[in-house]
């Protein structure tokens, strides 16, 4: 084995170990997390129609952005340039075996997420101050999906096919699902990273949209309800960056893990 091949194999192994450690820390933190008692008590007092309205709003936001918003979002970043940047990095990694290329991919994804995090903070707090709750959801989901799309491109993946959209929805759902159910959803995501489904019908995608919308509505119920109240809505609006960060940290880990697994597979196939 040549020197650069050994260096490349070691770089991939170390990066994958880092991903696995970060995943374990995330799981440990999620296992310890407990919802505030006051939040649970207030949520129980909210009418069922509040949850149903929020779930419907999230579902419509996902459908709108997936079906009509992709081309619009792509105007806010350079898709081809990002894909080319990844391909160059992948080429350098294959021929020089430097771990620095893997670190650079991480930093590229991180820079895009920081910009989107700033954007969703301004939107959430601004609309929260005005007492605008549910209408903010489309803007929040748009920014969230922009961050996910840019992360996908940073690791060389498409996001506009039904199977990739299904993966994105499952990652988003898993990132907000606690306990044993969250672990099951996380395992399902890992299986998709290895083997994407051959065909994803419209019905299957619509069902996952509703399932993901339900996870968001359940977790953000009280905060989005509060955001609909003038002045105190600042509290609800300020939750946007918290949730953005939570979802994108999970998604970035999964895309990085997927890329590293594929690198390992490529290494094995060339032996």
C-alpha atoms as a PDB file:
ATOM      1  CA  UNK A   1       0.000   0.000   0.000  1.00  0.00           C
ATOM      2  CA  UNK A   2       1.335   3.458  -0.979  1.00  0.00           C
ATOM      3  CA  UNK A   3       2.009   6.131   1.650  1.00  0.00           C
ATOM      4  CA  UNK A   4      -0.911   8.340   0.579  1.00  0.00           C
ATOM      5  CA  UNK A   5      -3.258   5.312   0.650  1.00  0.00           C
ATOM      6  CA  UNK A   6      -2.257   4.504   4.225  1.00  0.00           C
ATOM      7  CA  UNK A   7      -2.647   8.154   5.168  1.00  0.00           C
ATOM      8  CA  UNK A   8      -6.094   8.269   3.551  1.00  0.00           C
ATOM      9  CA  UNK A   9      -7.280   5.111   5.317  1.00  0.00           C
ATOM     10  CA  UNK A  10      -6.065   6.481   8.660  1.00  0.00           C
ATOM     11  CA  UNK A  11      -7.754   9.837   8.000  1.00  0.00           C
ATOM     12  CA  UNK A  12     -11.083   8.161   7.251  1.00  0.00           C
ATOM     13  CA  UNK A  13     -10.815   5.941  10.316  1.00  0.00           C
ATOM     14  CA  UNK A  14     -10.076   8.869  12.646  1.00  0.00           C
ATOM     15  CA  UNK A  15     -12.862  11.004  11.185  1.00  0.00           C
ATOM     16  CA  UNK A  16     -15.345   8.155  11.569  1.00  0.00           C
ATOM     17  CA  UNK A  17     -14.268   7.647  15.177  1.00  0.00           C
ATOM     18  CA  UNK A  18     -14.913  11.350  15.761  1.00  0.00           C
ATOM     19  CA  UNK A  19     -18.424  11.068  14.294  1.00  0.00           C
ATOM     20  CA  UNK A  20     -19.226   8.048  16.480  1.00  0.00           C
ATOM     21  CA  UNK A  21     -18.009   9.874  19.614  1.00  0.00           C
ATOM     22  CA  UNK A  22     -20.111  12.911  18.743  1.00  0.00           C
ATOM     23  CA  UNK A  23     -23.134  10.695  18.195  1.00  0.00           C
ATOM     24  CA  UNK A  24     -22.649   9.047  21.576  1.00  0.00           C
ATOM     25  CA  UNK A  25     -22.421  12.443  23.275  1.00  0.00           C
ATOM     26  CA  UNK A  26     -25.608  13.562  21.536  1.00  0.00           C
ATOM     27  CA  UNK A  27     -27.435  10.408  22.621  1.00  0.00           C
ATOM     28  CA  UNK A  28     -26.196  10.748  26.206  1.00  0.00           C
ATOM     29  CA  UNK A  29     -27.348  14.365  26.358  1.00  0.00           C
ATOM     30  CA  UNK A  30     -30.733  13.432  24.877  1.00  0.00           C
ATOM     31  CA  UNK A  31     -31.167  10.640  27.421  1.00  0.00           C
ATOM     32  CA  UNK A  32     -30.560  13.053  30.310  1.00  0.00           C
ATOM     33  CA  UNK A  33     -32.777  15.811  28.921  1.00  0.00           C
ATOM     34  CA  UNK A  34     -36.137  16.223  30.597  1.00  0.00           C
ATOM     35  CA  UNK A  35     -38.816  18.718  29.566  1.00  0.00           C
ATOM     36  CA  UNK A  36     -39.436  21.476  32.092  1.00  0.00           C
ATOM     37  CA  UNK A  37     -42.371  20.742  34.361  1.00  0.00           C
ATOM     38  CA  UNK A  38     -43.956  24.139  33.757  1.00  0.00           C
ATOM     39  CA  UNK A  39     -43.790  23.529  30.005  1.00  0.00           C
ATOM     40  CA  UNK A  40     -45.519  20.144  30.322  1.00  0.00           C
ATOM     41  CA  UNK A  41     -48.238  21.562  32.563  1.00  0.00           C
ATOM     42  CA  UNK A  42     -48.972  24.460  30.211  1.00  0.00           C
ATOM     43  CA  UNK A  43     -48.987  22.193  27.152  1.00  0.00           C
ATOM     44  CA  UNK A  44     -51.595  19.973  28.789  1.00  0.00           C
ATOM     45  CA  UNK A  45     -53.873  22.998  29.167  1.00  0.00           C
ATOM     46  CA  UNK A  46     -53.705  23.951  25.499  1.00  0.00           C
ATOM     47  CA  UNK A  47     -56.717  22.916  23.390  1.00  0.00           C
ATOM     48  CA  UNK A  48     -56.204  20.011  20.972  1.00  0.00           C
ATOM     49  CA  UNK A  49     -56.967  22.333  18.069  1.00  0.00           C
ATOM     50  CA  UNK A  50     -53.768  24.289  18.831  1.00  0.00           C
ATOM     51  CA  UNK A  51     -51.660  21.171  18.243  1.00  0.00           C
ATOM     52  CA  UNK A  52     -53.695  20.218  15.165  1.00  0.00           C
ATOM     53  CA  UNK A  53     -53.259  23.706  13.721  1.00  0.00           C
ATOM     54  CA  UNK A  54     -49.524  23.631  14.331  1.00  0.00           C
ATOM     55  CA  UNK A  55     -49.124  20.169  12.798  1.00  0.00           C
ATOM     56  CA  UNK A  56     -51.088  21.315   9.757  1.00  0.00           C
ATOM     57  CA  UNK A  57     -48.915  24.435   9.439  1.00  0.00           C
ATOM     58  CA  UNK A  58     -45.680  22.411   9.574  1.00  0.00           C
ATOM     59  CA  UNK A  59     -47.044  19.879   7.073  1.00  0.00           C
ATOM     60  CA  UNK A  60     -48.018  22.622   4.622  1.00  0.00           C
ATOM     61  CA  UNK A  61     -44.628  24.302   5.054  1.00  0.00           C
ATOM     62  CA  UNK A  62     -42.744  21.082   4.254  1.00  0.00           C
ATOM     63  CA  UNK A  63     -44.930  20.376   1.211  1.00  0.00           C
ATOM     64  CA  UNK A  64     -44.587  23.938  -0.061  1.00  0.00           C
ATOM     65  CA  UNK A  65     -40.802  24.077   0.187  1.00  0.00           C
ATOM     66  CA  UNK A  66     -40.233  20.554  -1.158  1.00  0.00           C
ATOM     67  CA  UNK A  67     -42.540  20.983  -4.148  1.00  0.00           C
ATOM     68  CA  UNK A  68     -42.081  24.617  -5.086  1.00  0.00           C
ATOM     69  CA  UNK A  69     -39.280  26.115  -3.053  1.00  0.00           C
ATOM     70  CA  UNK A  70     -36.226  24.177  -4.221  1.00  0.00           C
ATOM     71  CA  UNK A  71     -35.509  26.345  -7.258  1.00  0.00           C
ATOM     72  CA  UNK A  72     -36.070  29.519  -5.230  1.00  0.00           C
ATOM     73  CA  UNK A  73     -33.743  28.366  -2.449  1.00  0.00           C
ATOM     74  CA  UNK A  74     -31.011  27.540  -4.940  1.00  0.00           C
ATOM     75  CA  UNK A  75     -30.882  31.232  -5.876  1.00  0.00           C
ATOM     76  CA  UNK A  76     -29.660  31.979  -2.344  1.00  0.00           C
ATOM     77  CA  UNK A  77     -26.513  29.854  -2.679  1.00  0.00           C
ATOM     78  CA  UNK A  78     -24.255  28.573  -5.468  1.00  0.00           C
ATOM     79  CA  UNK A  79     -25.252  24.948  -5.902  1.00  0.00           C
ATOM     80  CA  UNK A  80     -22.845  24.077  -8.731  1.00  0.00           C
ATOM     81  CA  UNK A  81     -19.980  25.828  -6.972  1.00  0.00           C
ATOM     82  CA  UNK A  82     -20.594  23.848  -3.777  1.00  0.00           C
ATOM     83  CA  UNK A  83     -20.732  20.526  -5.638  1.00  0.00           C
ATOM     84  CA  UNK A  84     -17.545  21.381  -7.529  1.00  0.00           C
ATOM     85  CA  UNK A  85     -15.854  22.328  -4.252  1.00  0.00           C
ATOM     86  CA  UNK A  86     -16.768  18.933  -2.797  1.00  0.00           C
ATOM     87  CA  UNK A  87     -15.543  17.058  -5.874  1.00  0.00           C
ATOM     88  CA  UNK A  88     -12.214  18.871  -5.737  1.00  0.00           C
ATOM     89  CA  UNK A  89     -11.864  18.000  -2.056  1.00  0.00           C
ATOM     90  CA  UNK A  90     -12.797  14.386  -2.720  1.00  0.00           C
ATOM     91  CA  UNK A  91     -10.200  14.219  -5.508  1.00  0.00           C
ATOM     92  CA  UNK A  92      -7.489  15.665  -3.249  1.00  0.00           C
ATOM     93  CA  UNK A  93      -8.405  13.191  -0.506  1.00  0.00           C
ATOM     94  CA  UNK A  94      -8.145  10.250  -2.908  1.00  0.00           C
ATOM     95  CA  UNK A  95      -4.779  11.297  -4.308  1.00  0.00           C
ATOM     96  CA  UNK A  96      -3.091  12.810  -1.252  1.00  0.00           C
ATOM     97  CA  UNK A  97      -4.939  11.148   1.615  1.00  0.00           C
ATOM     98  CA  UNK A  98      -4.963  14.265   3.790  1.00  0.00           C
ATOM     99  CA  UNK A  99      -7.384  14.445   6.690  1.00  0.00           C
ATOM    100  CA  UNK A 100      -7.335  18.225   6.303  1.00  0.00           C
ATOM    101  CA  UNK A 101      -9.755  17.827   3.376  1.00  0.00           C
ATOM    102  CA  UNK A 102     -12.276  16.117   5.648  1.00  0.00           C
ATOM    103  CA  UNK A 103     -11.877  18.896   8.194  1.00  0.00           C
ATOM    104  CA  UNK A 104     -12.381  21.471   5.441  1.00  0.00           C
ATOM    105  CA  UNK A 105     -15.686  19.844   4.443  1.00  0.00           C
ATOM    106  CA  UNK A 106     -16.801  20.135   8.062  1.00  0.00           C
ATOM    107  CA  UNK A 107     -15.848  23.814   8.177  1.00  0.00           C
ATOM    108  CA  UNK A 108     -17.630  24.523   4.886  1.00  0.00           C
ATOM    109  CA  UNK A 109     -20.846  23.014   6.224  1.00  0.00           C
ATOM    110  CA  UNK A 110     -20.378  24.914   9.483  1.00  0.00           C
ATOM    111  CA  UNK A 111     -19.992  28.310   7.791  1.00  0.00           C
ATOM    112  CA  UNK A 112     -23.235  27.874   5.856  1.00  0.00           C
ATOM    113  CA  UNK A 113     -25.064  26.812   8.998  1.00  0.00           C
ATOM    114  CA  UNK A 114     -23.808  29.826  10.927  1.00  0.00           C
ATOM    115  CA  UNK A 115     -25.231  32.194   8.304  1.00  0.00           C
ATOM    116  CA  UNK A 116     -28.595  30.414   8.328  1.00  0.00           C
ATOM    117  CA  UNK A 117     -28.611  30.322  12.133  1.00  0.00           C
ATOM    118  CA  UNK A 118     -28.207  34.098  12.188  1.00  0.00           C
ATOM    119  CA  UNK A 119     -31.038  34.469   9.676  1.00  0.00           C
ATOM    120  CA  UNK A 120     -33.515  32.312  11.585  1.00  0.00           C
ATOM    121  CA  UNK A 121     -32.637  34.144  14.827  1.00  0.00           C
ATOM    122  CA  UNK A 122     -33.493  37.514  13.285  1.00  0.00           C
ATOM    123  CA  UNK A 123     -36.695  36.181  11.723  1.00  0.00           C
ATOM    124  CA  UNK A 124     -37.886  34.383  14.844  1.00  0.00           C
ATOM    125  CA  UNK A 125     -37.202  37.181  17.306  1.00  0.00           C
ATOM    126  CA  UNK A 126     -38.529  39.865  14.953  1.00  0.00           C
ATOM    127  CA  UNK A 127     -41.799  38.086  14.239  1.00  0.00           C
ATOM    128  CA  UNK A 128     -42.089  36.982  17.856  1.00  0.00           C
ATOM    129  CA  UNK A 129     -41.957  40.601  19.012  1.00  0.00           C
ATOM    130  CA  UNK A 130     -44.904  41.279  16.715  1.00  0.00           C
ATOM    131  CA  UNK A 131     -46.825  38.275  18.017  1.00  0.00           C
ATOM    132  CA  UNK A 132     -46.571  36.367  14.736  1.00  0.00           C
ATOM    133  CA  UNK A 133     -46.351  32.639  15.457  1.00  0.00           C
ATOM    134  CA  UNK A 134     -47.746  30.181  12.911  1.00  0.00           C
ATOM    135  CA  UNK A 135     -46.954  32.376   9.840  1.00  0.00           C
ATOM    136  CA  UNK A 136     -43.303  32.267  10.946  1.00  0.00           C
ATOM    137  CA  UNK A 137     -43.258  28.497  10.405  1.00  0.00           C
ATOM    138  CA  UNK A 138     -42.839  28.715   6.610  1.00  0.00           C
ATOM    139  CA  UNK A 139     -39.854  31.046   7.040  1.00  0.00           C
ATOM    140  CA  UNK A 140     -38.367  28.795   9.718  1.00  0.00           C
ATOM    141  CA  UNK A 141     -38.747  25.616   7.631  1.00  0.00           C
ATOM    142  CA  UNK A 142     -37.387  27.410   4.564  1.00  0.00           C
ATOM    143  CA  UNK A 143     -34.245  28.441   6.451  1.00  0.00           C
ATOM    144  CA  UNK A 144     -33.935  24.992   8.020  1.00  0.00           C
ATOM    145  CA  UNK A 145     -34.140  23.230   4.660  1.00  0.00           C
ATOM    146  CA  UNK A 146     -31.700  25.706   3.123  1.00  0.00           C
ATOM    147  CA  UNK A 147     -29.211  24.712   5.805  1.00  0.00           C
ATOM    148  CA  UNK A 148     -29.838  21.016   5.198  1.00  0.00           C
ATOM    149  CA  UNK A 149     -29.501  21.417   1.426  1.00  0.00           C
ATOM    150  CA  UNK A 150     -26.205  23.266   1.803  1.00  0.00           C
ATOM    151  CA  UNK A 151     -24.958  20.586   4.197  1.00  0.00           C
ATOM    152  CA  UNK A 152     -25.897  17.877   1.689  1.00  0.00           C
ATOM    153  CA  UNK A 153     -23.963  19.680  -1.046  1.00  0.00           C
ATOM    154  CA  UNK A 154     -20.935  20.050   1.246  1.00  0.00           C
ATOM    155  CA  UNK A 155     -20.698  16.242   1.275  1.00  0.00           C
ATOM    156  CA  UNK A 156     -21.600  15.773  -2.392  1.00  0.00           C
ATOM    157  CA  UNK A 157     -25.235  14.669  -2.067  1.00  0.00           C
ATOM    158  CA  UNK A 158     -28.357  15.667  -3.955  1.00  0.00           C
ATOM    159  CA  UNK A 159     -31.498  16.693  -2.093  1.00  0.00           C
ATOM    160  CA  UNK A 160     -34.167  17.056  -4.770  1.00  0.00           C
ATOM    161  CA  UNK A 161     -35.107  13.430  -5.470  1.00  0.00           C
ATOM    162  CA  UNK A 162     -37.928  11.644  -3.595  1.00  0.00           C
ATOM    163  CA  UNK A 163     -35.561   9.217  -1.841  1.00  0.00           C
ATOM    164  CA  UNK A 164     -33.264  12.025  -0.664  1.00  0.00           C
ATOM    165  CA  UNK A 165     -36.261  14.064   0.492  1.00  0.00           C
ATOM    166  CA  UNK A 166     -37.478  11.056   2.440  1.00  0.00           C
ATOM    167  CA  UNK A 167     -34.077  10.763   4.131  1.00  0.00           C
ATOM    168  CA  UNK A 168     -34.108  14.475   4.997  1.00  0.00           C
ATOM    169  CA  UNK A 169     -37.568  14.205   6.548  1.00  0.00           C
ATOM    170  CA  UNK A 170     -36.553  11.137   8.556  1.00  0.00           C
ATOM    171  CA  UNK A 171     -33.409  12.879   9.816  1.00  0.00           C
ATOM    172  CA  UNK A 172     -35.420  15.912  10.880  1.00  0.00           C
ATOM    173  CA  UNK A 173     -37.937  13.727  12.685  1.00  0.00           C
ATOM    174  CA  UNK A 174     -35.267  11.653  14.426  1.00  0.00           C
ATOM    175  CA  UNK A 175     -33.422  14.766  15.612  1.00  0.00           C
ATOM    176  CA  UNK A 176     -36.465  15.849  17.656  1.00  0.00           C
ATOM    177  CA  UNK A 177     -37.762  12.469  18.844  1.00  0.00           C
ATOM    178  CA  UNK A 178     -36.741  11.595  22.407  1.00  0.00           C
ATOM    179  CA  UNK A 179     -36.261   8.307  24.250  1.00  0.00           C
ATOM    180  CA  UNK A 180     -36.523   4.811  22.835  1.00  0.00           C
ATOM    181  CA  UNK A 181     -38.607   6.004  19.905  1.00  0.00           C
ATOM    182  CA  UNK A 182     -35.848   8.433  18.985  1.00  0.00           C
ATOM    183  CA  UNK A 183     -33.302   5.612  19.052  1.00  0.00           C
ATOM    184  CA  UNK A 184     -35.471   3.551  16.698  1.00  0.00           C
ATOM    185  CA  UNK A 185     -35.776   6.459  14.292  1.00  0.00           C
ATOM    186  CA  UNK A 186     -32.027   7.092  14.497  1.00  0.00           C
ATOM    187  CA  UNK A 187     -31.343   3.448  13.590  1.00  0.00           C
ATOM    188  CA  UNK A 188     -33.758   3.737  10.660  1.00  0.00           C
ATOM    189  CA  UNK A 189     -31.831   6.772   9.417  1.00  0.00           C
ATOM    190  CA  UNK A 190     -28.537   4.854   9.634  1.00  0.00           C
ATOM    191  CA  UNK A 191     -30.026   2.033   7.564  1.00  0.00           C
ATOM    192  CA  UNK A 192     -31.011   4.549   4.887  1.00  0.00           C
ATOM    193  CA  UNK A 193     -27.483   5.952   4.845  1.00  0.00           C
ATOM    194  CA  UNK A 194     -26.283   2.510   3.762  1.00  0.00           C
ATOM    195  CA  UNK A 195     -29.136   1.531   1.471  1.00  0.00           C
ATOM    196  CA  UNK A 196     -31.479   4.117  -0.002  1.00  0.00           C
ATOM    197  CA  UNK A 197     -34.891   2.822  -1.161  1.00  0.00           C
ATOM    198  CA  UNK A 198     -35.179   2.127  -4.887  1.00  0.00           C
ATOM    199  CA  UNK A 199     -38.527   3.878  -5.269  1.00  0.00           C
ATOM    200  CA  UNK A 200     -40.350   6.369  -3.085  1.00  0.00           C
ATOM    201  CA  UNK A 201     -43.933   7.079  -4.075  1.00  0.00           C
ATOM    202  CA  UNK A 202     -45.801  10.323  -3.512  1.00  0.00           C
ATOM    203  CA  UNK A 203     -47.950   8.637  -0.869  1.00  0.00           C
ATOM    204  CA  UNK A 204     -44.934   7.496   1.143  1.00  0.00           C
ATOM    205  CA  UNK A 205     -43.417  10.963   1.014  1.00  0.00           C
ATOM    206  CA  UNK A 206     -46.678  12.624   2.052  1.00  0.00           C
ATOM    207  CA  UNK A 207     -47.015  10.239   4.989  1.00  0.00           C
ATOM    208  CA  UNK A 208     -43.475  11.058   6.143  1.00  0.00           C
ATOM    209  CA  UNK A 209     -44.177  14.782   5.805  1.00  0.00           C
ATOM    210  CA  UNK A 210     -47.096  14.388   8.215  1.00  0.00           C
ATOM    211  CA  UNK A 211     -45.029  12.275  10.590  1.00  0.00           C
ATOM    212  CA  UNK A 212     -42.189  14.822  10.632  1.00  0.00           C
ATOM    213  CA  UNK A 213     -44.659  17.691  10.984  1.00  0.00           C
ATOM    214  CA  UNK A 214     -46.138  15.899  13.991  1.00  0.00           C
ATOM    215  CA  UNK A 215     -42.697  15.643  15.649  1.00  0.00           C
ATOM    216  CA  UNK A 216     -42.089  19.369  15.150  1.00  0.00           C
ATOM    217  CA  UNK A 217     -45.558  20.324  16.336  1.00  0.00           C
ATOM    218  CA  UNK A 218     -45.243  18.163  19.441  1.00  0.00           C
ATOM    219  CA  UNK A 219     -41.832  19.538  20.406  1.00  0.00           C
ATOM    220  CA  UNK A 220     -42.489  23.192  19.547  1.00  0.00           C
ATOM    221  CA  UNK A 221     -46.146  23.342  20.605  1.00  0.00           C
ATOM    222  CA  UNK A 222     -45.937  25.739  23.533  1.00  0.00           C
ATOM    223  CA  UNK A 223     -43.179  27.900  22.072  1.00  0.00           C
ATOM    224  CA  UNK A 224     -45.027  28.541  18.807  1.00  0.00           C
ATOM    225  CA  UNK A 225     -48.243  29.177  20.725  1.00  0.00           C
ATOM    226  CA  UNK A 226     -46.453  31.759  22.884  1.00  0.00           C
ATOM    227  CA  UNK A 227     -44.881  33.301  19.780  1.00  0.00           C
ATOM    228  CA  UNK A 228     -48.400  34.197  18.649  1.00  0.00           C
ATOM    229  CA  UNK A 229     -48.736  36.564  21.628  1.00  0.00           C
ATOM    230  CA  UNK A 230     -47.387  40.121  21.304  1.00  0.00           C
ATOM    231  CA  UNK A 231     -44.239  41.031  23.294  1.00  0.00           C
ATOM    232  CA  UNK A 232     -43.920  37.662  25.105  1.00  0.00           C
ATOM    233  CA  UNK A 233     -43.703  36.170  21.611  1.00  0.00           C
ATOM    234  CA  UNK A 234     -40.017  37.036  21.785  1.00  0.00           C
ATOM    235  CA  UNK A 235     -39.591  33.900  23.910  1.00  0.00           C
ATOM    236  CA  UNK A 236     -41.174  31.692  21.268  1.00  0.00           C
ATOM    237  CA  UNK A 237     -39.330  33.373  18.402  1.00  0.00           C
ATOM    238  CA  UNK A 238     -36.009  32.940  20.177  1.00  0.00           C
ATOM    239  CA  UNK A 239     -36.546  29.169  20.046  1.00  0.00           C
ATOM    240  CA  UNK A 240     -35.969  29.121  16.273  1.00  0.00           C
ATOM    241  CA  UNK A 241     -32.142  29.153  16.460  1.00  0.00           C
ATOM    242  CA  UNK A 242     -32.197  26.551  19.248  1.00  0.00           C
ATOM    243  CA  UNK A 243     -34.177  24.132  17.099  1.00  0.00           C
ATOM    244  CA  UNK A 244     -32.224  25.010  13.965  1.00  0.00           C
ATOM    245  CA  UNK A 245     -28.988  24.153  15.746  1.00  0.00           C
ATOM    246  CA  UNK A 246     -30.411  20.935  17.174  1.00  0.00           C
ATOM    247  CA  UNK A 247     -31.628  19.657  13.808  1.00  0.00           C
ATOM    248  CA  UNK A 248     -28.582  20.754  11.789  1.00  0.00           C
ATOM    249  CA  UNK A 249     -26.072  19.247  14.222  1.00  0.00           C
ATOM    250  CA  UNK A 250     -27.807  15.909  13.791  1.00  0.00           C
ATOM    251  CA  UNK A 251     -28.119  16.230  10.011  1.00  0.00           C
ATOM    252  CA  UNK A 252     -24.469  17.251   9.543  1.00  0.00           C
ATOM    253  CA  UNK A 253     -23.318  14.243  11.570  1.00  0.00           C
ATOM    254  CA  UNK A 254     -25.415  11.907   9.424  1.00  0.00           C
ATOM    255  CA  UNK A 255     -24.244  13.311   6.098  1.00  0.00           C
ATOM    256  CA  UNK A 256     -20.632  13.172   7.287  1.00  0.00           C
ATOM    257  CA  UNK A 257     -21.136   9.589   8.493  1.00  0.00           C
ATOM    258  CA  UNK A 258     -22.719   8.638   5.169  1.00  0.00           C
ATOM    259  CA  UNK A 259     -19.803  10.091   3.224  1.00  0.00           C
ATOM    260  CA  UNK A 260     -17.226   8.363   5.425  1.00  0.00           C
ATOM    261  CA  UNK A 261     -19.002   5.029   5.134  1.00  0.00           C
ATOM    262  CA  UNK A 262     -18.960   5.404   1.354  1.00  0.00           C
ATOM    263  CA  UNK A 263     -15.264   6.261   1.468  1.00  0.00           C
ATOM    264  CA  UNK A 264     -14.626   3.071   3.436  1.00  0.00           C
ATOM    265  CA  UNK A 265     -16.591   1.072   0.915  1.00  0.00           C
ATOM    266  CA  UNK A 266     -14.586   2.635  -1.893  1.00  0.00           C
ATOM    267  CA  UNK A 267     -11.352   1.740  -0.089  1.00  0.00           C
ATOM    268  CA  UNK A 268     -12.449  -1.884   0.257  1.00  0.00           C
ATOM    269  CA  UNK A 269     -13.443  -2.114  -3.403  1.00  0.00           C
ATOM    270  CA  UNK A 270     -10.033  -0.909  -4.561  1.00  0.00           C
ATOM    271  CA  UNK A 271      -8.079  -3.515  -2.588  1.00  0.00           C
END
